Amino acid sequence: MPRVRRCRYPNCHAMVTMPHWYCAKHIKYEAEYLAKRERYRMHSSHTQREVHQYNTVTRNRNETKQTQYEFYRTKQWVELRKAVLERDHYLCQYCLVNHRVTPAKTVDHIVPIEYDSKLKANVDNLAVICNQCHHAKTKWEQLTYGTGQDNKIKNVNEIFDLRKIVENME
């Protein structure tokens, strides 16, 4: 018995033999529907390629970056992250400097590991941060330390004081 489905035309209840999408009465819409479906499929696969390219090319553009991202997949990082979240009570430490209480689940390196990789597992170099502060701090790090894509690392003193960082972020 051939497989069937309902005609795609609105309010048409006729059954159509697969692989067709429209009944004999509405068959004129099938070519347009198939073209639209193909355009969507091509757009969707293009988007998937961009995501794949980011993950394999941009994120892992060199051995240093690859090593940094591999650290975030270790048991050591999972335990460090959990300890810092509990220590800071799941509150953004950067917002607390400005007397705002903001819940957060992201743990951030105060001094970026791209700038000083020796501090990546140091609990004193970690703080809980909300998304808004994280975006602002990332921009500040790019200007101050020269971190990020296509930037050159600068020779500056490391800043560990959250108050100074928050002042400079604003």
N, C-alpha and C. Protein backbone atom coordinates (compact mmCIF):
# COMPACT_ATOMS: atom_id res chain seq x y z
N MET A 1 0.85 -1.18 0.00
CA MET A 1 0.00 0.00 0.00
C MET A 1 0.89 1.24 0.00
N PRO A 2 0.66 2.18 -0.94
CA PRO A 2 1.51 3.38 -1.02
C PRO A 2 1.28 4.29 0.18
N ARG A 3 2.33 5.00 0.55
CA ARG A 3 2.23 5.96 1.66
C ARG A 3 1.53 7.21 1.16
N VAL A 4 0.69 7.78 2.02
CA VAL A 4 -0.06 8.98 1.65
C VAL A 4 0.08 10.03 2.75
N ARG A 5 -0.24 11.25 2.37
CA ARG A 5 -0.28 12.35 3.33
C ARG A 5 -1.34 13.34 2.88
N ARG A 6 -1.68 14.28 3.74
CA ARG A 6 -2.70 15.26 3.43
C ARG A 6 -2.12 16.35 2.53
N CYS A 7 -2.91 16.88 1.63
CA CYS A 7 -2.51 17.98 0.75
C CYS A 7 -2.12 19.18 1.60
N ARG A 8 -1.05 19.87 1.22
CA ARG A 8 -0.54 21.01 1.98
C ARG A 8 -1.37 22.28 1.79
N TYR A 9 -2.26 22.31 0.82
CA TYR A 9 -3.06 23.51 0.58
C TYR A 9 -3.99 23.72 1.79
N PRO A 10 -4.07 24.97 2.31
CA PRO A 10 -4.90 25.22 3.49
C PRO A 10 -6.35 24.75 3.31
N ASN A 11 -6.86 24.07 4.30
CA ASN A 11 -8.24 23.57 4.37
C ASN A 11 -8.58 22.51 3.31
N CYS A 12 -7.59 21.97 2.63
CA CYS A 12 -7.83 20.88 1.69
C CYS A 12 -7.54 19.57 2.42
N HIS A 13 -8.50 18.68 2.40
CA HIS A 13 -8.36 17.43 3.15
C HIS A 13 -8.09 16.22 2.24
N ALA A 14 -7.76 16.49 1.00
CA ALA A 14 -7.50 15.40 0.06
C ALA A 14 -6.20 14.70 0.43
N MET A 15 -6.15 13.42 0.18
CA MET A 15 -4.95 12.64 0.44
C MET A 15 -4.12 12.55 -0.84
N VAL A 16 -2.79 12.62 -0.67
CA VAL A 16 -1.86 12.65 -1.79
C VAL A 16 -0.87 11.50 -1.63
N THR A 17 -0.54 10.83 -2.72
CA THR A 17 0.45 9.77 -2.69
C THR A 17 1.84 10.38 -2.62
N MET A 18 2.66 9.90 -1.71
CA MET A 18 4.03 10.41 -1.58
C MET A 18 4.82 10.02 -2.82
N PRO A 19 5.72 10.79 -3.30
CA PRO A 19 6.39 11.93 -2.69
C PRO A 19 5.72 13.28 -2.96
N HIS A 20 4.54 13.33 -3.53
CA HIS A 20 3.88 14.60 -3.82
C HIS A 20 3.40 15.27 -2.54
N TRP A 21 3.22 16.61 -2.63
CA TRP A 21 2.78 17.40 -1.49
C TRP A 21 1.37 17.98 -1.69
N TYR A 22 0.93 18.08 -2.94
CA TYR A 22 -0.36 18.70 -3.25
C TYR A 22 -1.21 17.74 -4.08
N CYS A 23 -2.53 17.86 -3.92
CA CYS A 23 -3.46 17.02 -4.67
C CYS A 23 -3.54 17.53 -6.12
N ALA A 24 -4.25 16.81 -6.98
CA ALA A 24 -4.38 17.17 -8.39
C ALA A 24 -4.98 18.57 -8.55
N LYS A 25 -5.90 18.93 -7.67
CA LYS A 25 -6.55 20.24 -7.74
C LYS A 25 -5.57 21.39 -7.44
N HIS A 26 -4.60 21.17 -6.58
CA HIS A 26 -3.67 22.22 -6.15
C HIS A 26 -2.22 21.95 -6.59
N ILE A 27 -2.02 21.07 -7.54
CA ILE A 27 -0.68 20.67 -7.96
C ILE A 27 0.16 21.85 -8.45
N LYS A 28 -0.50 22.91 -8.90
CA LYS A 28 0.24 24.08 -9.42
C LYS A 28 1.09 24.76 -8.34
N TYR A 29 0.80 24.50 -7.05
CA TYR A 29 1.56 25.11 -5.96
C TYR A 29 2.79 24.29 -5.55
N GLU A 30 2.87 23.08 -6.08
CA GLU A 30 3.94 22.18 -5.64
C GLU A 30 5.33 22.67 -6.03
N ALA A 31 5.52 23.15 -7.24
CA ALA A 31 6.84 23.61 -7.68
C ALA A 31 7.32 24.77 -6.81
N GLU A 32 6.42 25.70 -6.51
CA GLU A 32 6.77 26.85 -5.66
C GLU A 32 7.15 26.37 -4.25
N TYR A 33 6.38 25.43 -3.73
CA TYR A 33 6.65 24.90 -2.40
C TYR A 33 8.02 24.20 -2.36
N LEU A 34 8.31 23.39 -3.36
CA LEU A 34 9.59 22.67 -3.40
C LEU A 34 10.77 23.63 -3.52
N ALA A 35 10.60 24.71 -4.30
CA ALA A 35 11.66 25.70 -4.45
C ALA A 35 11.92 26.40 -3.11
N LYS A 36 10.84 26.77 -2.42
CA LYS A 36 10.96 27.43 -1.13
C LYS A 36 11.63 26.50 -0.11
N ARG A 37 11.26 25.25 -0.15
CA ARG A 37 11.82 24.25 0.75
C ARG A 37 13.32 24.07 0.50
N GLU A 38 13.70 24.08 -0.76
CA GLU A 38 15.12 23.93 -1.11
C GLU A 38 15.92 25.16 -0.65
N ARG A 39 15.35 26.36 -0.84
CA ARG A 39 16.03 27.58 -0.38
C ARG A 39 16.24 27.52 1.13
N TYR A 40 15.24 27.10 1.87
CA TYR A 40 15.35 26.98 3.32
C TYR A 40 16.42 25.96 3.69
N ARG A 41 16.42 24.83 3.01
CA ARG A 41 17.40 23.78 3.29
C ARG A 41 18.82 24.29 3.04
N MET A 42 19.00 25.02 1.96
CA MET A 42 20.33 25.55 1.64
C MET A 42 20.76 26.58 2.67
N HIS A 43 19.83 27.45 3.08
CA HIS A 43 20.15 28.45 4.10
C HIS A 43 20.51 27.78 5.42
N SER A 44 19.75 26.76 5.78
CA SER A 44 19.97 26.05 7.03
C SER A 44 21.34 25.36 7.02
N SER A 45 21.70 24.72 5.93
CA SER A 45 23.00 24.04 5.88
C SER A 45 24.13 25.05 5.87
N HIS A 46 23.91 26.24 5.28
CA HIS A 46 24.91 27.30 5.28
C HIS A 46 25.17 27.75 6.72
N THR A 47 24.11 27.91 7.49
CA THR A 47 24.24 28.31 8.88
C THR A 47 24.99 27.25 9.66
N GLN A 48 24.72 25.98 9.40
CA GLN A 48 25.42 24.91 10.09
C GLN A 48 26.91 24.93 9.76
N ARG A 49 27.24 25.25 8.50
CA ARG A 49 28.65 25.35 8.12
C ARG A 49 29.33 26.47 8.90
N GLU A 50 28.64 27.61 9.09
CA GLU A 50 29.23 28.72 9.83
C GLU A 50 29.51 28.32 11.27
N VAL A 51 28.58 27.62 11.90
CA VAL A 51 28.78 27.17 13.27
C VAL A 51 29.95 26.20 13.33
N HIS A 52 30.00 25.25 12.40
CA HIS A 52 31.09 24.29 12.36
C HIS A 52 32.42 25.01 12.15
N GLN A 53 32.43 25.99 11.26
CA GLN A 53 33.66 26.72 10.99
C GLN A 53 34.13 27.47 12.23
N TYR A 54 33.20 28.08 12.98
CA TYR A 54 33.58 28.79 14.20
C TYR A 54 34.21 27.82 15.19
N ASN A 55 33.58 26.69 15.39
CA ASN A 55 34.07 25.74 16.39
C ASN A 55 35.40 25.11 16.01
N THR A 56 35.64 24.87 14.73
CA THR A 56 36.86 24.17 14.35
C THR A 56 37.97 25.11 13.88
N VAL A 57 37.62 26.26 13.33
CA VAL A 57 38.63 27.15 12.79
C VAL A 57 38.91 28.31 13.74
N THR A 58 37.88 29.07 14.08
CA THR A 58 38.08 30.27 14.88
C THR A 58 38.48 29.93 16.31
N ARG A 59 37.75 29.03 16.94
CA ARG A 59 38.05 28.69 18.33
C ARG A 59 39.41 28.01 18.46
N ASN A 60 39.75 27.16 17.54
CA ASN A 60 41.00 26.41 17.61
C ASN A 60 41.99 26.91 16.57
N ARG A 61 42.09 28.23 16.44
CA ARG A 61 42.91 28.79 15.37
C ARG A 61 44.40 28.56 15.55
N ASN A 62 44.83 28.27 16.79
CA ASN A 62 46.23 27.91 17.00
C ASN A 62 46.33 27.00 18.23
N GLU A 63 47.52 26.49 18.49
CA GLU A 63 47.67 25.53 19.59
C GLU A 63 47.39 26.15 20.95
N THR A 64 47.74 27.42 21.13
CA THR A 64 47.50 28.09 22.41
C THR A 64 46.01 28.16 22.70
N LYS A 65 45.23 28.59 21.72
CA LYS A 65 43.78 28.68 21.89
C LYS A 65 43.18 27.30 22.13
N GLN A 66 43.64 26.33 21.40
CA GLN A 66 43.12 24.97 21.55
C GLN A 66 43.38 24.46 22.97
N THR A 67 44.57 24.72 23.50
CA THR A 67 44.90 24.30 24.86
C THR A 67 44.02 25.01 25.87
N GLN A 68 43.75 26.30 25.64
CA GLN A 68 42.89 27.06 26.55
C GLN A 68 41.49 26.46 26.59
N TYR A 69 40.90 26.17 25.44
CA TYR A 69 39.55 25.64 25.42
C TYR A 69 39.49 24.20 25.94
N GLU A 70 40.56 23.44 25.77
CA GLU A 70 40.58 22.09 26.32
C GLU A 70 40.55 22.11 27.84
N PHE A 71 41.15 23.13 28.45
CA PHE A 71 41.15 23.26 29.91
C PHE A 71 39.73 23.31 30.46
N TYR A 72 38.82 23.97 29.73
CA TYR A 72 37.44 24.10 30.20
C TYR A 72 36.66 22.79 30.12
N ARG A 73 37.26 21.75 29.58
CA ARG A 73 36.60 20.45 29.49
C ARG A 73 37.21 19.44 30.47
N THR A 74 38.03 19.92 31.39
CA THR A 74 38.69 19.02 32.34
C THR A 74 37.90 18.92 33.64
N LYS A 75 38.14 17.86 34.36
CA LYS A 75 37.52 17.67 35.68
C LYS A 75 38.01 18.77 36.64
N GLN A 76 39.25 19.17 36.49
CA GLN A 76 39.82 20.22 37.34
C GLN A 76 39.00 21.51 37.21
N TRP A 77 38.65 21.89 35.97
CA TRP A 77 37.87 23.11 35.77
C TRP A 77 36.47 22.97 36.35
N VAL A 78 35.85 21.82 36.18
CA VAL A 78 34.50 21.60 36.70
C VAL A 78 34.50 21.77 38.22
N GLU A 79 35.50 21.23 38.89
CA GLU A 79 35.59 21.35 40.34
C GLU A 79 35.91 22.77 40.78
N LEU A 80 36.83 23.43 40.07
CA LEU A 80 37.15 24.83 40.37
C LEU A 80 35.91 25.72 40.22
N ARG A 81 35.20 25.53 39.12
CA ARG A 81 34.01 26.33 38.84
C ARG A 81 32.97 26.17 39.94
N LYS A 82 32.74 24.92 40.32
CA LYS A 82 31.76 24.65 41.38
C LYS A 82 32.17 25.32 42.69
N ALA A 83 33.44 25.22 43.04
CA ALA A 83 33.93 25.82 44.28
C ALA A 83 33.77 27.34 44.27
N VAL A 84 34.05 27.97 43.14
CA VAL A 84 33.94 29.43 43.04
C VAL A 84 32.48 29.86 43.08
N LEU A 85 31.61 29.14 42.40
CA LEU A 85 30.17 29.47 42.44
C LEU A 85 29.65 29.40 43.87
N GLU A 86 30.04 28.38 44.61
CA GLU A 86 29.59 28.26 45.99
C GLU A 86 30.23 29.33 46.87
N ARG A 87 31.51 29.62 46.66
CA ARG A 87 32.20 30.65 47.44
C ARG A 87 31.53 32.01 47.26
N ASP A 88 31.16 32.33 46.00
CA ASP A 88 30.57 33.64 45.69
C ASP A 88 29.05 33.62 45.74
N HIS A 89 28.47 32.52 46.18
CA HIS A 89 27.01 32.38 46.36
C HIS A 89 26.22 32.68 45.09
N TYR A 90 26.79 32.32 43.93
CA TYR A 90 26.12 32.49 42.63
C TYR A 90 25.74 33.96 42.37
N LEU A 91 26.53 34.89 42.88
CA LEU A 91 26.26 36.32 42.68
C LEU A 91 27.41 36.96 41.92
N CYS A 92 27.08 37.83 40.98
CA CYS A 92 28.09 38.52 40.17
C CYS A 92 28.93 39.42 41.09
N GLN A 93 30.21 39.16 41.14
CA GLN A 93 31.11 39.92 42.01
C GLN A 93 31.37 41.32 41.47
N TYR A 94 31.24 41.51 40.17
CA TYR A 94 31.45 42.82 39.57
C TYR A 94 30.27 43.74 39.87
N CYS A 95 29.05 43.19 39.87
CA CYS A 95 27.86 43.96 40.24
C CYS A 95 27.89 44.31 41.72
N LEU A 96 28.38 43.39 42.56
CA LEU A 96 28.44 43.64 44.00
C LEU A 96 29.34 44.82 44.32
N VAL A 97 30.36 45.05 43.50
CA VAL A 97 31.23 46.22 43.70
C VAL A 97 30.40 47.50 43.63
N ASN A 98 29.39 47.51 42.75
CA ASN A 98 28.49 48.67 42.61
C ASN A 98 27.22 48.52 43.45
N HIS A 99 27.26 47.62 44.45
CA HIS A 99 26.14 47.42 45.39
C HIS A 99 24.87 46.96 44.69
N ARG A 100 25.03 46.15 43.64
CA ARG A 100 23.89 45.53 42.96
C ARG A 100 23.99 44.03 43.16
N VAL A 101 22.86 43.39 43.42
CA VAL A 101 22.85 41.94 43.59
C VAL A 101 22.30 41.32 42.31
N THR A 102 23.16 40.59 41.60
CA THR A 102 22.77 39.97 40.33
C THR A 102 23.15 38.51 40.35
N PRO A 103 22.18 37.61 40.19
CA PRO A 103 22.53 36.18 40.14
C PRO A 103 23.30 35.87 38.86
N ALA A 104 24.23 34.91 38.94
CA ALA A 104 25.04 34.55 37.78
C ALA A 104 25.55 33.13 37.92
N LYS A 105 25.87 32.52 36.78
CA LYS A 105 26.39 31.15 36.77
C LYS A 105 27.71 31.03 36.01
N THR A 106 28.23 32.13 35.51
CA THR A 106 29.48 32.09 34.75
C THR A 106 30.65 32.38 35.67
N VAL A 107 31.70 31.59 35.54
CA VAL A 107 32.93 31.82 36.31
C VAL A 107 33.96 32.36 35.33
N ASP A 108 34.57 33.50 35.70
CA ASP A 108 35.47 34.21 34.80
C ASP A 108 36.86 34.34 35.43
N HIS A 109 37.86 34.32 34.58
CA HIS A 109 39.23 34.60 35.04
C HIS A 109 39.40 36.10 35.17
N ILE A 110 39.80 36.57 36.32
CA ILE A 110 39.99 38.00 36.54
C ILE A 110 41.09 38.50 35.59
N VAL A 111 42.22 37.83 35.61
CA VAL A 111 43.27 38.07 34.61
C VAL A 111 43.11 36.96 33.58
N PRO A 112 42.86 37.31 32.32
CA PRO A 112 42.57 36.28 31.32
C PRO A 112 43.71 35.27 31.16
N ILE A 113 43.34 34.00 30.94
CA ILE A 113 44.38 32.98 30.78
C ILE A 113 45.15 33.17 29.49
N GLU A 114 44.57 33.89 28.56
CA GLU A 114 45.29 34.20 27.33
C GLU A 114 46.47 35.12 27.63
N TYR A 115 46.33 35.94 28.68
CA TYR A 115 47.39 36.87 29.07
C TYR A 115 48.40 36.17 29.99
N ASP A 116 47.91 35.39 30.97
CA ASP A 116 48.80 34.70 31.89
C ASP A 116 48.24 33.30 32.16
N SER A 117 48.73 32.32 31.43
CA SER A 117 48.19 30.96 31.53
C SER A 117 48.53 30.29 32.85
N LYS A 118 49.51 30.79 33.59
CA LYS A 118 49.87 30.19 34.89
C LYS A 118 48.75 30.38 35.91
N LEU A 119 47.86 31.35 35.69
CA LEU A 119 46.80 31.64 36.65
C LEU A 119 45.49 30.92 36.34
N LYS A 120 45.49 30.03 35.35
CA LYS A 120 44.22 29.44 34.92
C LYS A 120 43.57 28.57 35.99
N ALA A 121 44.35 27.93 36.86
CA ALA A 121 43.78 27.06 37.89
C ALA A 121 43.85 27.69 39.28
N ASN A 122 44.13 28.97 39.36
CA ASN A 122 44.24 29.68 40.63
C ASN A 122 42.86 30.18 41.04
N VAL A 123 42.35 29.69 42.17
CA VAL A 123 41.01 30.07 42.63
C VAL A 123 40.92 31.57 42.90
N ASP A 124 42.01 32.18 43.33
CA ASP A 124 42.00 33.63 43.61
C ASP A 124 41.89 34.46 42.33
N ASN A 125 42.09 33.84 41.19
CA ASN A 125 41.96 34.54 39.91
C ASN A 125 40.59 34.30 39.27
N LEU A 126 39.67 33.72 40.01
CA LEU A 126 38.34 33.41 39.47
C LEU A 126 37.26 34.17 40.23
N ALA A 127 36.23 34.58 39.49
CA ALA A 127 35.10 35.28 40.10
C ALA A 127 33.85 34.97 39.29
N VAL A 128 32.70 34.96 39.97
CA VAL A 128 31.42 34.78 39.30
C VAL A 128 31.05 36.10 38.62
N ILE A 129 30.50 35.99 37.40
CA ILE A 129 30.20 37.19 36.63
C ILE A 129 28.89 36.99 35.85
N CYS A 130 28.08 38.04 35.76
CA CYS A 130 26.84 37.96 34.99
C CYS A 130 27.15 38.23 33.50
N ASN A 131 26.19 37.96 32.64
CA ASN A 131 26.42 38.13 31.19
C ASN A 131 26.75 39.57 30.82
N GLN A 132 26.03 40.52 31.38
CA GLN A 132 26.24 41.93 31.04
C GLN A 132 27.66 42.37 31.43
N CYS A 133 28.07 42.03 32.63
CA CYS A 133 29.43 42.38 33.06
C CYS A 133 30.48 41.61 32.25
N HIS A 134 30.17 40.38 31.90
CA HIS A 134 31.12 39.57 31.14
C HIS A 134 31.40 40.19 29.77
N HIS A 135 30.36 40.67 29.11
CA HIS A 135 30.56 41.33 27.81
C HIS A 135 31.39 42.60 27.97
N ALA A 136 31.09 43.40 28.98
CA ALA A 136 31.84 44.64 29.22
C ALA A 136 33.29 44.31 29.57
N LYS A 137 33.50 43.30 30.40
CA LYS A 137 34.86 42.94 30.81
C LYS A 137 35.67 42.40 29.64
N THR A 138 35.03 41.63 28.77
CA THR A 138 35.73 41.11 27.60
C THR A 138 36.22 42.25 26.72
N LYS A 139 35.38 43.25 26.50
CA LYS A 139 35.81 44.43 25.72
C LYS A 139 36.97 45.14 26.41
N TRP A 140 36.86 45.29 27.73
CA TRP A 140 37.92 45.95 28.49
C TRP A 140 39.23 45.16 28.40
N GLU A 141 39.15 43.82 28.51
CA GLU A 141 40.34 42.98 28.40
C GLU A 141 41.00 43.13 27.03
N GLN A 142 40.20 43.22 25.99
CA GLN A 142 40.76 43.37 24.66
C GLN A 142 41.53 44.68 24.53
N LEU A 143 41.00 45.74 25.14
CA LEU A 143 41.70 47.03 25.09
C LEU A 143 42.90 47.07 26.02
N THR A 144 42.77 46.52 27.21
CA THR A 144 43.82 46.60 28.22
C THR A 144 44.94 45.59 28.00
N TYR A 145 44.57 44.31 27.87
CA TYR A 145 45.56 43.24 27.75
C TYR A 145 45.89 42.89 26.31
N GLY A 146 45.04 43.27 25.38
CA GLY A 146 45.27 42.91 23.99
C GLY A 146 44.85 41.49 23.68
N THR A 147 43.89 40.95 24.43
CA THR A 147 43.42 39.59 24.19
C THR A 147 42.38 39.60 23.09
N GLY A 148 42.00 38.42 22.63
CA GLY A 148 40.96 38.31 21.62
C GLY A 148 41.53 38.11 20.24
N GLN A 149 40.63 37.82 19.31
CA GLN A 149 41.03 37.51 17.95
C GLN A 149 41.69 38.72 17.28
N ASP A 150 42.79 38.48 16.58
CA ASP A 150 43.54 39.49 15.82
C ASP A 150 44.17 40.58 16.68
N ASN A 151 44.23 40.40 18.00
CA ASN A 151 44.88 41.38 18.86
C ASN A 151 46.26 40.89 19.26
N LYS A 152 47.09 41.82 19.65
CA LYS A 152 48.44 41.50 20.12
C LYS A 152 48.47 41.70 21.62
N ILE A 153 49.00 40.71 22.36
CA ILE A 153 49.10 40.79 23.81
C ILE A 153 50.03 41.95 24.17
N LYS A 154 49.55 42.79 25.09
CA LYS A 154 50.31 43.96 25.52
C LYS A 154 51.10 43.64 26.78
N ASN A 155 52.15 44.37 27.02
CA ASN A 155 52.96 44.19 28.22
C ASN A 155 52.51 45.21 29.26
N VAL A 156 51.50 44.83 30.04
CA VAL A 156 50.96 45.71 31.09
C VAL A 156 50.91 44.93 32.40
N ASN A 157 50.75 45.66 33.50
CA ASN A 157 50.64 45.01 34.81
C ASN A 157 49.26 44.37 34.95
N GLU A 158 49.25 43.20 35.57
CA GLU A 158 47.98 42.50 35.80
C GLU A 158 47.18 43.22 36.88
N ILE A 159 45.88 43.28 36.69
CA ILE A 159 45.00 43.93 37.67
C ILE A 159 44.12 42.85 38.28
N PHE A 160 44.25 42.66 39.60
CA PHE A 160 43.46 41.66 40.30
C PHE A 160 42.31 42.29 41.09
N ASP A 161 42.37 43.58 41.34
CA ASP A 161 41.37 44.28 42.16
C ASP A 161 40.10 44.50 41.35
N LEU A 162 39.00 43.88 41.78
CA LEU A 162 37.74 44.00 41.06
C LEU A 162 37.24 45.44 41.00
N ARG A 163 37.48 46.22 42.05
CA ARG A 163 37.04 47.62 42.04
C ARG A 163 37.70 48.41 40.90
N LYS A 164 39.00 48.21 40.73
CA LYS A 164 39.72 48.91 39.66
C LYS A 164 39.21 48.45 38.28
N ILE A 165 38.97 47.15 38.16
CA ILE A 165 38.48 46.62 36.88
C ILE A 165 37.12 47.21 36.56
N VAL A 166 36.21 47.25 37.54
CA VAL A 166 34.86 47.79 37.33
C VAL A 166 34.94 49.28 36.97
N GLU A 167 35.81 50.03 37.64
CA GLU A 167 35.99 51.46 37.31
C GLU A 167 36.44 51.61 35.87
N ASN A 168 37.40 50.80 35.46
CA ASN A 168 37.92 50.90 34.09
C ASN A 168 36.92 50.40 33.05
N MET A 169 36.05 49.44 33.42
CA MET A 169 35.05 48.94 32.50
C MET A 169 34.02 50.02 32.17
N GLU A 170 33.75 50.89 33.13
CA GLU A 170 32.75 51.94 32.93
C GLU A 170 33.36 53.12 32.29
